[in-house]
């Protein structure tokens, strides 16, 4: 990204605004930069693996 500028959105989160260095398209990256965002990082969800075959299939 070139010509990047740090901005603060209405909700207080930080973001980066600029243009793509390859194609020149406008870019907007939420959470970019070191704006001191107060939002907590997303928690990793554990994926439960089911044992056996699924019983949700119906026979006709």
PDB file of N, CA and C in Angstrom:
ATOM      1  N   UNK A   1       0.853  -1.167   0.000  1.00  0.00           N
ATOM      2  CA  UNK A   1       0.000   0.000   0.000  1.00  0.00           C
ATOM      3  C   UNK A   1       0.904   1.235   0.000  1.00  0.00           C
ATOM      4  N   UNK A   2       0.586   2.171  -0.851  1.00  0.00           N
ATOM      5  CA  UNK A   2       1.367   3.405  -0.864  1.00  0.00           C
ATOM      6  C   UNK A   2       0.444   4.579  -0.549  1.00  0.00           C
ATOM      7  N   UNK A   3       1.009   5.644  -0.061  1.00  0.00           N
ATOM      8  CA  UNK A   3       0.216   6.808   0.322  1.00  0.00           C
ATOM      9  C   UNK A   3      -0.712   6.504   1.480  1.00  0.00           C
ATOM     10  N   UNK A   4      -0.263   5.597   2.356  1.00  0.00           N
ATOM     11  CA  UNK A   4      -1.140   5.175   3.448  1.00  0.00           C
ATOM     12  C   UNK A   4      -1.282   6.280   4.488  1.00  0.00           C
ATOM     13  N   UNK A   5      -2.490   6.330   5.050  1.00  0.00           N
ATOM     14  CA  UNK A   5      -2.820   7.338   6.038  1.00  0.00           C
ATOM     15  C   UNK A   5      -3.626   6.659   7.131  1.00  0.00           C
ATOM     16  N   UNK A   6      -3.250   6.858   8.386  1.00  0.00           N
ATOM     17  CA  UNK A   6      -3.989   6.262   9.491  1.00  0.00           C
ATOM     18  C   UNK A   6      -5.198   7.122   9.789  1.00  0.00           C
ATOM     19  N   UNK A   7      -6.361   6.495   9.880  1.00  0.00           N
ATOM     20  CA  UNK A   7      -7.607   7.185  10.167  1.00  0.00           C
ATOM     21  C   UNK A   7      -8.286   6.510  11.355  1.00  0.00           C
ATOM     22  N   UNK A   8      -9.187   7.239  12.001  1.00  0.00           N
ATOM     23  CA  UNK A   8      -9.981   6.682  13.088  1.00  0.00           C
ATOM     24  C   UNK A   8     -11.430   6.690  12.639  1.00  0.00           C
ATOM     25  N   UNK A   9     -12.072   5.521  12.715  1.00  0.00           N
ATOM     26  CA  UNK A   9     -13.469   5.412  12.290  1.00  0.00           C
ATOM     27  C   UNK A   9     -14.385   6.009  13.357  1.00  0.00           C
ATOM     28  N   UNK A  10     -15.675   6.141  13.028  1.00  0.00           N
ATOM     29  CA  UNK A  10     -16.646   6.727  13.948  1.00  0.00           C
ATOM     30  C   UNK A  10     -16.740   5.957  15.259  1.00  0.00           C
ATOM     31  N   UNK A  11     -16.529   4.640  15.215  1.00  0.00           N
ATOM     32  CA  UNK A  11     -16.634   3.835  16.425  1.00  0.00           C
ATOM     33  C   UNK A  11     -15.344   3.828  17.249  1.00  0.00           C
ATOM     34  N   UNK A  12     -14.324   4.569  16.821  1.00  0.00           N
ATOM     35  CA  UNK A  12     -13.088   4.695  17.581  1.00  0.00           C
ATOM     36  C   UNK A  12     -11.982   3.743  17.178  1.00  0.00           C
ATOM     37  N   UNK A  13     -12.271   2.790  16.303  1.00  0.00           N
ATOM     38  CA  UNK A  13     -11.240   1.839  15.875  1.00  0.00           C
ATOM     39  C   UNK A  13     -10.333   2.493  14.841  1.00  0.00           C
ATOM     40  N   UNK A  14      -9.091   2.021  14.779  1.00  0.00           N
ATOM     41  CA  UNK A  14      -8.139   2.567  13.826  1.00  0.00           C
ATOM     42  C   UNK A  14      -8.195   1.807  12.510  1.00  0.00           C
ATOM     43  N   UNK A  15      -7.767   2.467  11.455  1.00  0.00           N
ATOM     44  CA  UNK A  15      -7.746   1.859  10.129  1.00  0.00           C
ATOM     45  C   UNK A  15      -6.681   2.549   9.290  1.00  0.00           C
ATOM     46  N   UNK A  16      -6.308   1.905   8.192  1.00  0.00           N
ATOM     47  CA  UNK A  16      -5.377   2.486   7.233  1.00  0.00           C
ATOM     48  C   UNK A  16      -6.086   2.707   5.916  1.00  0.00           C
ATOM     49  N   UNK A  17      -5.824   3.835   5.293  1.00  0.00           N
ATOM     50  CA  UNK A  17      -6.405   4.162   4.001  1.00  0.00           C
ATOM     51  C   UNK A  17      -5.263   4.497   3.052  1.00  0.00           C
ATOM     52  N   UNK A  18      -5.339   3.998   1.818  1.00  0.00           N
ATOM     53  CA  UNK A  18      -4.283   4.268   0.850  1.00  0.00           C
ATOM     54  C   UNK A  18      -4.612   3.673  -0.500  1.00  0.00           C
ATOM     55  N   UNK A  19      -3.607   3.509  -1.349  1.00  0.00           N
ATOM     56  CA  UNK A  19      -3.799   2.932  -2.675  1.00  0.00           C
ATOM     57  C   UNK A  19      -2.863   1.750  -2.860  1.00  0.00           C
ATOM     58  N   UNK A  20      -3.310   0.795  -3.671  1.00  0.00           N
ATOM     59  CA  UNK A  20      -2.519  -0.392  -3.970  1.00  0.00           C
ATOM     60  C   UNK A  20      -1.301   0.015  -4.792  1.00  0.00           C
ATOM     61  N   UNK A  21      -0.129  -0.491  -4.398  1.00  0.00           N
ATOM     62  CA  UNK A  21       1.099  -0.130  -5.113  1.00  0.00           C
ATOM     63  C   UNK A  21       1.207  -0.839  -6.457  1.00  0.00           C
ATOM     64  N   UNK A  22       0.394  -1.865  -6.704  1.00  0.00           N
ATOM     65  CA  UNK A  22       0.453  -2.608  -7.958  1.00  0.00           C
ATOM     66  C   UNK A  22      -0.534  -2.051  -8.978  1.00  0.00           C
ATOM     67  N   UNK A  23      -1.824  -1.931  -8.574  1.00  0.00           N
ATOM     68  CA  UNK A  23      -2.855  -1.566  -9.549  1.00  0.00           C
ATOM     69  C   UNK A  23      -3.462  -0.186  -9.331  1.00  0.00           C
ATOM     70  N   UNK A  24      -3.207   0.470  -8.198  1.00  0.00           N
ATOM     71  CA  UNK A  24      -3.704   1.818  -7.957  1.00  0.00           C
ATOM     72  C   UNK A  24      -5.114   1.892  -7.394  1.00  0.00           C
ATOM     73  N   UNK A  25      -5.691   0.749  -7.003  1.00  0.00           N
ATOM     74  CA  UNK A  25      -7.037   0.715  -6.443  1.00  0.00           C
ATOM     75  C   UNK A  25      -7.015   1.260  -5.016  1.00  0.00           C
ATOM     76  N   UNK A  26      -8.086   1.959  -4.617  1.00  0.00           N
ATOM     77  CA  UNK A  26      -8.186   2.449  -3.248  1.00  0.00           C
ATOM     78  C   UNK A  26      -8.325   1.279  -2.301  1.00  0.00           C
ATOM     79  N   UNK A  27      -7.622   1.367  -1.152  1.00  0.00           N
ATOM     80  CA  UNK A  27      -7.661   0.301  -0.154  1.00  0.00           C
ATOM     81  C   UNK A  27      -8.033   0.893   1.196  1.00  0.00           C
ATOM     82  N   UNK A  28      -8.709   0.081   2.023  1.00  0.00           N
ATOM     83  CA  UNK A  28      -9.088   0.478   3.373  1.00  0.00           C
ATOM     84  C   UNK A  28      -8.944  -0.745   4.249  1.00  0.00           C
ATOM     85  N   UNK A  29      -8.025  -0.705   5.204  1.00  0.00           N
ATOM     86  CA  UNK A  29      -7.767  -1.862   6.053  1.00  0.00           C
ATOM     87  C   UNK A  29      -8.156  -1.530   7.488  1.00  0.00           C
ATOM     88  N   UNK A  30      -9.195  -2.197   7.973  1.00  0.00           N
ATOM     89  CA  UNK A  30      -9.669  -1.975   9.336  1.00  0.00           C
ATOM     90  C   UNK A  30      -8.704  -2.638  10.304  1.00  0.00           C
ATOM     91  N   UNK A  31      -8.360  -1.929  11.384  1.00  0.00           N
ATOM     92  CA  UNK A  31      -7.449  -2.459  12.388  1.00  0.00           C
ATOM     93  C   UNK A  31      -6.002  -2.317  11.988  1.00  0.00           C
ATOM     94  N   UNK A  32      -5.728  -1.653  10.909  1.00  0.00           N
ATOM     95  CA  UNK A  32      -4.359  -1.495  10.460  1.00  0.00           C
ATOM     96  C   UNK A  32      -3.618  -0.458  11.274  1.00  0.00           C
ATOM     97  N   UNK A  33      -2.328  -0.573  11.336  1.00  0.00           N
ATOM     98  CA  UNK A  33      -1.504   0.388  12.053  1.00  0.00           C
ATOM     99  C   UNK A  33      -1.488   0.110  13.544  1.00  0.00           C
ATOM    100  N   UNK A  34      -0.858   0.999  14.287  1.00  0.00           N
ATOM    101  CA  UNK A  34      -0.780   0.822  15.742  1.00  0.00           C
ATOM    102  C   UNK A  34      -1.564   1.941  16.415  1.00  0.00           C
ATOM    103  N   UNK A  35      -2.865   1.941  16.196  1.00  0.00           N
ATOM    104  CA  UNK A  35      -3.724   2.991  16.720  1.00  0.00           C
ATOM    105  C   UNK A  35      -4.169   2.778  18.138  1.00  0.00           C
ATOM    106  N   UNK A  36      -3.696   1.735  18.801  1.00  0.00           N
ATOM    107  CA  UNK A  36      -4.086   1.491  20.178  1.00  0.00           C
ATOM    108  C   UNK A  36      -5.543   1.086  20.282  1.00  0.00           C
ATOM    109  N   UNK A  37      -5.960   0.189  19.443  1.00  0.00           N
ATOM    110  CA  UNK A  37      -7.343  -0.274  19.428  1.00  0.00           C
ATOM    111  C   UNK A  37      -7.699  -0.915  20.762  1.00  0.00           C
ATOM    112  N   UNK A  38      -8.863  -0.591  21.278  1.00  0.00           N
ATOM    113  CA  UNK A  38      -9.306  -1.122  22.556  1.00  0.00           C
ATOM    114  C   UNK A  38     -10.088  -2.415  22.394  1.00  0.00           C
ATOM    115  N   UNK A  39     -10.296  -2.850  21.172  1.00  0.00           N
ATOM    116  CA  UNK A  39     -11.054  -4.074  20.916  1.00  0.00           C
ATOM    117  C   UNK A  39     -10.209  -5.293  21.295  1.00  0.00           C
ATOM    118  N   UNK A  40     -10.866  -6.293  21.861  1.00  0.00           N
ATOM    119  CA  UNK A  40     -10.175  -7.524  22.236  1.00  0.00           C
ATOM    120  C   UNK A  40      -9.968  -8.378  20.997  1.00  0.00           C
ATOM    121  N   UNK A  41      -8.866  -9.128  20.921  1.00  0.00           N
ATOM    122  CA  UNK A  41      -8.660 -10.010  19.773  1.00  0.00           C
ATOM    123  C   UNK A  41      -9.713 -11.115  19.759  1.00  0.00           C
ATOM    124  N   UNK A  42     -10.044 -11.573  18.583  1.00  0.00           N
ATOM    125  CA  UNK A  42     -11.054 -12.621  18.435  1.00  0.00           C
ATOM    126  C   UNK A  42     -10.579 -13.901  19.105  1.00  0.00           C
ATOM    127  N   UNK A  43     -11.467 -14.514  19.857  1.00  0.00           N
ATOM    128  CA  UNK A  43     -11.128 -15.755  20.539  1.00  0.00           C
ATOM    129  C   UNK A  43     -11.180 -16.913  19.560  1.00  0.00           C
ATOM    130  N   UNK A  44     -10.259 -17.850  19.716  1.00  0.00           N
ATOM    131  CA  UNK A  44     -10.246 -19.022  18.850  1.00  0.00           C
ATOM    132  C   UNK A  44     -11.278 -20.011  19.348  1.00  0.00           C
ATOM    133  N   UNK A  45     -12.118 -20.457  18.446  1.00  0.00           N
ATOM    134  CA  UNK A  45     -13.151 -21.420  18.811  1.00  0.00           C
ATOM    135  C   UNK A  45     -12.630 -22.830  18.580  1.00  0.00           C
ATOM    136  N   UNK A  46     -12.898 -23.697  19.530  1.00  0.00           N
ATOM    137  CA  UNK A  46     -12.504 -25.091  19.388  1.00  0.00           C
ATOM    138  C   UNK A  46     -13.496 -25.788  18.475  1.00  0.00           C
ATOM    139  N   UNK A  47     -12.997 -26.550  17.542  1.00  0.00           N
ATOM    140  CA  UNK A  47     -13.850 -27.277  16.611  1.00  0.00           C
ATOM    141  C   UNK A  47     -14.043 -28.685  17.143  1.00  0.00           C
ATOM    142  N   UNK A  48     -15.299 -29.036  17.400  1.00  0.00           N
ATOM    143  CA  UNK A  48     -15.601 -30.370  17.920  1.00  0.00           C
ATOM    144  C   UNK A  48     -15.680 -31.342  16.751  1.00  0.00           C
ATOM    145  N   UNK A  49     -14.953 -32.434  16.864  1.00  0.00           N
ATOM    146  CA  UNK A  49     -14.984 -33.463  15.828  1.00  0.00           C
ATOM    147  C   UNK A  49     -16.012 -34.503  16.214  1.00  0.00           C
ATOM    148  N   UNK A  50     -16.895 -34.818  15.291  1.00  0.00           N
ATOM    149  CA  UNK A  50     -17.924 -35.816  15.591  1.00  0.00           C
ATOM    150  C   UNK A  50     -17.375 -37.210  15.290  1.00  0.00           C
ATOM    151  N   UNK A  51     -17.745 -38.151  16.128  1.00  0.00           N
ATOM    152  CA  UNK A  51     -17.317 -39.531  15.942  1.00  0.00           C
ATOM    153  C   UNK A  51     -18.441 -40.292  15.258  1.00  0.00           C
ATOM    154  N   UNK A  52     -18.102 -41.069  14.277  1.00  0.00           N
ATOM    155  CA  UNK A  52     -19.107 -41.869  13.582  1.00  0.00           C
ATOM    156  C   UNK A  52     -19.789 -41.090  12.471  1.00  0.00           C
ATOM    157  N   UNK A  53     -20.864 -41.685  11.971  1.00  0.00           N
ATOM    158  CA  UNK A  53     -21.596 -41.085  10.859  1.00  0.00           C
ATOM    159  C   UNK A  53     -22.666 -40.135  11.370  1.00  0.00           C
ATOM    160  N   UNK A  54     -22.979 -39.169  10.551  1.00  0.00           N
ATOM    161  CA  UNK A  54     -24.019 -38.210  10.892  1.00  0.00           C
ATOM    162  C   UNK A  54     -25.394 -38.865  10.784  1.00  0.00           C
ATOM    163  N   UNK A  55     -26.257 -38.643  11.750  1.00  0.00           N
ATOM    164  CA  UNK A  55     -27.584 -39.235  11.754  1.00  0.00           C
ATOM    165  C   UNK A  55     -28.636 -38.285  11.228  1.00  0.00           C
ATOM    166  N   UNK A  56     -28.224 -37.148  10.670  1.00  0.00           N
ATOM    167  CA  UNK A  56     -29.182 -36.171  10.210  1.00  0.00           C
ATOM    168  C   UNK A  56     -29.719 -36.464   8.802  1.00  0.00           C
ATOM    169  N   UNK A  57     -29.185 -37.491   8.133  1.00  0.00           N
ATOM    170  CA  UNK A  57     -29.667 -37.835   6.797  1.00  0.00           C
ATOM    171  C   UNK A  57     -30.990 -38.592   6.914  1.00  0.00           C
ATOM    172  N   UNK A  58     -31.949 -38.238   6.104  1.00  0.00           N
ATOM    173  CA  UNK A  58     -33.228 -38.922   6.145  1.00  0.00           C
ATOM    174  C   UNK A  58     -33.352 -39.860   4.940  1.00  0.00           C
ATOM    175  N   UNK A  59     -33.966 -41.000   5.173  1.00  0.00           N
ATOM    176  CA  UNK A  59     -34.164 -41.969   4.086  1.00  0.00           C
ATOM    177  C   UNK A  59     -35.568 -41.823   3.548  1.00  0.00           C
ATOM    178  N   UNK A  60     -35.701 -42.020   2.248  1.00  0.00           N
ATOM    179  CA  UNK A  60     -37.026 -41.933   1.614  1.00  0.00           C
ATOM    180  C   UNK A  60     -37.382 -43.245   1.012  1.00  0.00           C
TER     181      UNK A  60
END
